[in-house]
């Protein structure tokens, strides 16, 4: 599918790419060569941002709905999901 955005892990070992709006393709980086590792699936999401954590192996993604999913890239499973309806707004 078409890659719409990408993010490189802080250690430079992994590349995460959004494809087909609801999939994150993970690859390892070896210089300029990529080796596909796995796909993270978020059915129905329209993923529009990715950000790696400072902690190795943790990736955050957000959907157009405002929901956020935190992934364990080793297992390919979500660690948690924050739904927009759960967000609280505080202003000062």
N, C-alpha and C. Protein backbone atom coordinates (compact mmCIF):
# COMPACT_ATOMS: atom_id res chain seq x y z
N UNK A 1 0.81 -1.18 0.00
CA UNK A 1 0.00 0.00 0.00
C UNK A 1 0.85 1.25 0.00
N UNK A 2 0.22 2.36 -0.12
CA UNK A 2 0.89 3.65 -0.13
C UNK A 2 1.31 4.05 1.28
N UNK A 3 2.55 4.45 1.44
CA UNK A 3 3.05 4.91 2.74
C UNK A 3 2.67 6.37 2.89
N UNK A 4 1.98 6.70 3.99
CA UNK A 4 1.53 8.07 4.21
C UNK A 4 2.40 8.83 5.20
N UNK A 5 3.08 8.12 6.09
CA UNK A 5 4.04 8.75 7.00
C UNK A 5 4.94 7.70 7.58
N UNK A 6 6.05 8.15 8.17
CA UNK A 6 7.00 7.20 8.77
C UNK A 6 7.70 7.85 9.95
N UNK A 7 8.31 7.01 10.81
CA UNK A 7 9.07 7.48 11.96
C UNK A 7 10.20 6.49 12.23
N UNK A 8 11.39 7.03 12.49
CA UNK A 8 12.56 6.21 12.81
C UNK A 8 12.71 6.18 14.33
N UNK A 9 12.99 4.99 14.88
CA UNK A 9 13.17 4.86 16.33
C UNK A 9 14.37 5.67 16.80
N UNK A 10 14.37 6.11 18.07
CA UNK A 10 15.47 6.94 18.58
C UNK A 10 16.85 6.29 18.44
N UNK A 11 16.91 4.95 18.50
CA UNK A 11 18.20 4.26 18.37
C UNK A 11 18.57 4.01 16.91
N UNK A 12 17.68 4.38 15.98
CA UNK A 12 17.96 4.23 14.55
C UNK A 12 17.86 2.81 14.03
N UNK A 13 17.31 1.89 14.83
CA UNK A 13 17.24 0.49 14.42
C UNK A 13 15.95 0.12 13.69
N UNK A 14 14.88 0.89 13.92
CA UNK A 14 13.58 0.54 13.35
C UNK A 14 12.97 1.69 12.56
N UNK A 15 12.20 1.31 11.55
CA UNK A 15 11.41 2.26 10.78
C UNK A 15 9.96 1.80 10.87
N UNK A 16 9.07 2.71 11.29
CA UNK A 16 7.64 2.44 11.31
C UNK A 16 7.02 3.25 10.18
N UNK A 17 6.18 2.59 9.37
CA UNK A 17 5.55 3.24 8.22
C UNK A 17 4.05 2.97 8.25
N UNK A 18 3.25 4.01 8.09
CA UNK A 18 1.80 3.83 7.99
C UNK A 18 1.45 3.54 6.55
N UNK A 19 0.71 2.46 6.36
CA UNK A 19 0.25 2.08 5.02
C UNK A 19 -1.22 1.69 5.12
N UNK A 20 -1.97 1.97 4.09
CA UNK A 20 -3.39 1.62 4.04
C UNK A 20 -4.19 2.23 5.19
N UNK A 21 -3.69 3.30 5.76
CA UNK A 21 -4.33 4.10 6.81
C UNK A 21 -4.54 3.39 8.15
N UNK A 22 -4.57 2.06 8.17
CA UNK A 22 -4.83 1.36 9.44
C UNK A 22 -3.77 0.30 9.75
N UNK A 23 -2.63 0.35 9.07
CA UNK A 23 -1.55 -0.60 9.32
C UNK A 23 -0.25 0.14 9.53
N UNK A 24 0.55 -0.38 10.46
CA UNK A 24 1.89 0.14 10.68
C UNK A 24 2.85 -0.98 10.34
N UNK A 25 3.68 -0.75 9.33
CA UNK A 25 4.67 -1.74 8.93
C UNK A 25 5.97 -1.42 9.63
N UNK A 26 6.52 -2.41 10.35
CA UNK A 26 7.78 -2.25 11.05
C UNK A 26 8.89 -2.95 10.28
N UNK A 27 10.01 -2.25 10.15
CA UNK A 27 11.19 -2.80 9.48
C UNK A 27 12.42 -2.46 10.30
N UNK A 28 13.46 -3.30 10.19
CA UNK A 28 14.74 -2.95 10.79
C UNK A 28 15.57 -2.22 9.73
N UNK A 29 16.38 -1.30 10.20
CA UNK A 29 17.25 -0.52 9.33
C UNK A 29 18.67 -1.06 9.42
N UNK A 30 19.27 -1.27 8.26
CA UNK A 30 20.67 -1.70 8.17
C UNK A 30 21.31 -0.77 7.14
N UNK A 31 21.77 0.39 7.61
CA UNK A 31 22.26 1.39 6.67
C UNK A 31 21.09 1.88 5.85
N UNK A 32 21.14 1.70 4.54
CA UNK A 32 20.04 2.10 3.67
C UNK A 32 19.11 0.94 3.33
N UNK A 33 19.40 -0.25 3.85
CA UNK A 33 18.57 -1.43 3.58
C UNK A 33 17.53 -1.63 4.67
N UNK A 34 16.33 -2.04 4.26
CA UNK A 34 15.23 -2.33 5.17
C UNK A 34 14.93 -3.82 5.15
N UNK A 35 14.62 -4.37 6.34
CA UNK A 35 14.16 -5.75 6.44
C UNK A 35 12.82 -5.72 7.15
N UNK A 36 11.76 -6.15 6.44
CA UNK A 36 10.42 -6.16 7.03
C UNK A 36 10.39 -7.08 8.24
N UNK A 37 9.73 -6.63 9.33
CA UNK A 37 9.62 -7.41 10.55
C UNK A 37 8.18 -7.87 10.78
N UNK A 38 7.23 -6.92 10.82
CA UNK A 38 5.83 -7.28 11.08
C UNK A 38 4.93 -6.09 10.80
N UNK A 39 3.63 -6.38 10.80
CA UNK A 39 2.61 -5.35 10.63
C UNK A 39 1.77 -5.26 11.89
N UNK A 40 1.55 -4.04 12.36
CA UNK A 40 0.65 -3.78 13.47
C UNK A 40 -0.69 -3.35 12.86
N UNK A 41 -1.76 -4.01 13.25
CA UNK A 41 -3.08 -3.74 12.67
C UNK A 41 -3.95 -2.96 13.64
N UNK A 42 -4.59 -1.90 13.13
CA UNK A 42 -5.56 -1.13 13.91
C UNK A 42 -6.80 -0.96 13.03
N UNK A 43 -7.66 -2.00 12.99
CA UNK A 43 -8.81 -1.98 12.09
C UNK A 43 -9.70 -0.75 12.28
N UNK A 44 -10.06 -0.14 11.18
CA UNK A 44 -10.96 1.02 11.21
C UNK A 44 -10.30 2.34 11.53
N UNK A 45 -9.05 2.31 11.94
CA UNK A 45 -8.36 3.57 12.28
C UNK A 45 -7.88 4.25 11.01
N UNK A 46 -7.78 5.54 11.09
CA UNK A 46 -7.12 6.32 10.04
C UNK A 46 -5.92 6.96 10.74
N UNK A 47 -4.84 6.21 10.80
CA UNK A 47 -3.66 6.64 11.55
C UNK A 47 -3.06 7.87 10.89
N UNK A 48 -2.85 8.91 11.71
CA UNK A 48 -2.30 10.13 11.14
C UNK A 48 -1.08 10.66 11.87
N UNK A 49 -0.60 9.93 12.89
CA UNK A 49 0.69 10.31 13.48
C UNK A 49 1.32 9.11 14.18
N UNK A 50 2.64 9.14 14.22
CA UNK A 50 3.45 8.11 14.88
C UNK A 50 4.52 8.82 15.70
N UNK A 51 4.86 8.25 16.84
CA UNK A 51 5.95 8.80 17.64
C UNK A 51 6.55 7.68 18.49
N UNK A 52 7.85 7.55 18.42
CA UNK A 52 8.55 6.56 19.23
C UNK A 52 8.78 7.10 20.63
N UNK A 53 8.68 6.24 21.61
CA UNK A 53 8.99 6.59 22.99
C UNK A 53 10.50 6.56 23.17
N UNK A 54 10.97 7.23 24.21
CA UNK A 54 12.38 7.13 24.58
C UNK A 54 12.71 5.74 25.08
N UNK A 55 11.67 5.02 25.55
CA UNK A 55 11.86 3.63 25.97
C UNK A 55 11.89 2.75 24.73
N UNK A 56 12.87 1.91 24.65
CA UNK A 56 13.03 1.05 23.47
C UNK A 56 11.82 0.14 23.27
N UNK A 57 11.33 0.08 22.02
CA UNK A 57 10.27 -0.85 21.69
C UNK A 57 8.86 -0.36 21.93
N UNK A 58 8.69 0.93 22.23
CA UNK A 58 7.36 1.47 22.46
C UNK A 58 7.06 2.51 21.39
N UNK A 59 5.90 2.35 20.72
CA UNK A 59 5.49 3.24 19.64
C UNK A 59 4.08 3.73 19.92
N UNK A 60 3.86 5.02 19.75
CA UNK A 60 2.53 5.61 19.91
C UNK A 60 1.99 5.97 18.54
N UNK A 61 0.70 5.75 18.35
CA UNK A 61 0.03 6.16 17.11
C UNK A 61 -1.28 6.82 17.48
N UNK A 62 -1.71 7.76 16.65
CA UNK A 62 -3.00 8.39 16.89
C UNK A 62 -3.82 8.33 15.61
N UNK A 63 -5.13 8.26 15.81
CA UNK A 63 -6.07 8.15 14.69
C UNK A 63 -6.80 9.47 14.52
N UNK A 64 -7.38 9.64 13.36
CA UNK A 64 -8.15 10.84 13.08
C UNK A 64 -9.31 11.05 14.05
N UNK A 65 -9.77 9.99 14.68
CA UNK A 65 -10.86 10.07 15.65
C UNK A 65 -10.42 10.71 16.96
N UNK A 66 -9.09 10.85 17.15
CA UNK A 66 -8.56 11.37 18.40
C UNK A 66 -8.10 10.28 19.35
N UNK A 67 -8.35 9.02 19.01
CA UNK A 67 -7.90 7.90 19.84
C UNK A 67 -6.39 7.71 19.68
N UNK A 68 -5.77 7.21 20.74
CA UNK A 68 -4.33 6.95 20.76
C UNK A 68 -4.10 5.50 21.13
N UNK A 69 -3.20 4.85 20.44
CA UNK A 69 -2.85 3.46 20.76
C UNK A 69 -1.34 3.40 20.98
N UNK A 70 -0.95 2.79 22.11
CA UNK A 70 0.46 2.58 22.46
C UNK A 70 0.79 1.12 22.19
N UNK A 71 1.86 0.90 21.42
CA UNK A 71 2.21 -0.45 20.96
C UNK A 71 3.50 -0.95 21.59
N UNK A 72 3.54 -2.26 21.85
CA UNK A 72 4.77 -2.98 22.14
C UNK A 72 5.23 -3.56 20.81
N UNK A 73 6.29 -3.01 20.23
CA UNK A 73 6.67 -3.45 18.89
C UNK A 73 7.26 -4.86 18.89
N UNK A 74 7.76 -5.32 20.02
CA UNK A 74 8.30 -6.68 20.10
C UNK A 74 7.19 -7.71 19.90
N UNK A 75 6.05 -7.51 20.57
CA UNK A 75 4.94 -8.46 20.48
C UNK A 75 3.98 -8.10 19.35
N UNK A 76 3.98 -6.83 18.93
CA UNK A 76 3.04 -6.39 17.92
C UNK A 76 1.65 -6.12 18.47
N UNK A 77 1.52 -6.15 19.78
CA UNK A 77 0.23 -5.96 20.43
C UNK A 77 0.14 -4.58 21.10
N UNK A 78 -1.07 -4.03 21.18
CA UNK A 78 -1.23 -2.76 21.88
C UNK A 78 -1.01 -2.94 23.38
N UNK A 79 -0.32 -1.99 23.99
CA UNK A 79 -0.17 -1.97 25.44
C UNK A 79 -1.40 -1.33 26.08
N UNK A 80 -1.89 -0.28 25.43
CA UNK A 80 -3.08 0.41 25.92
C UNK A 80 -3.66 1.24 24.79
N UNK A 81 -4.91 1.63 24.98
CA UNK A 81 -5.57 2.51 24.02
C UNK A 81 -6.31 3.59 24.81
N UNK A 82 -6.09 4.82 24.42
CA UNK A 82 -6.75 5.96 25.04
C UNK A 82 -7.79 6.47 24.07
N UNK A 83 -9.05 6.33 24.44
CA UNK A 83 -10.12 6.77 23.56
C UNK A 83 -10.40 8.25 23.78
N UNK A 84 -10.74 8.92 22.71
CA UNK A 84 -11.02 10.35 22.80
C UNK A 84 -12.07 10.63 23.85
N UNK A 85 -13.06 9.75 23.97
CA UNK A 85 -14.14 9.95 24.94
C UNK A 85 -13.63 9.90 26.38
N UNK A 86 -12.43 9.32 26.59
CA UNK A 86 -11.85 9.22 27.94
C UNK A 86 -11.03 10.45 28.31
N UNK A 87 -10.74 11.30 27.32
CA UNK A 87 -9.88 12.46 27.57
C UNK A 87 -10.60 13.48 28.43
N UNK A 88 -9.85 14.12 29.31
CA UNK A 88 -10.35 15.22 30.14
C UNK A 88 -9.62 16.49 29.72
N UNK A 89 -10.33 17.56 29.64
CA UNK A 89 -9.72 18.84 29.26
C UNK A 89 -9.61 19.71 30.49
N UNK A 90 -8.43 20.22 30.72
CA UNK A 90 -8.18 21.13 31.85
C UNK A 90 -7.60 22.40 31.27
N UNK A 91 -8.16 23.52 31.64
CA UNK A 91 -7.60 24.80 31.19
C UNK A 91 -7.33 25.68 32.39
N UNK A 92 -6.35 26.54 32.25
CA UNK A 92 -5.99 27.45 33.34
C UNK A 92 -6.12 28.87 32.89
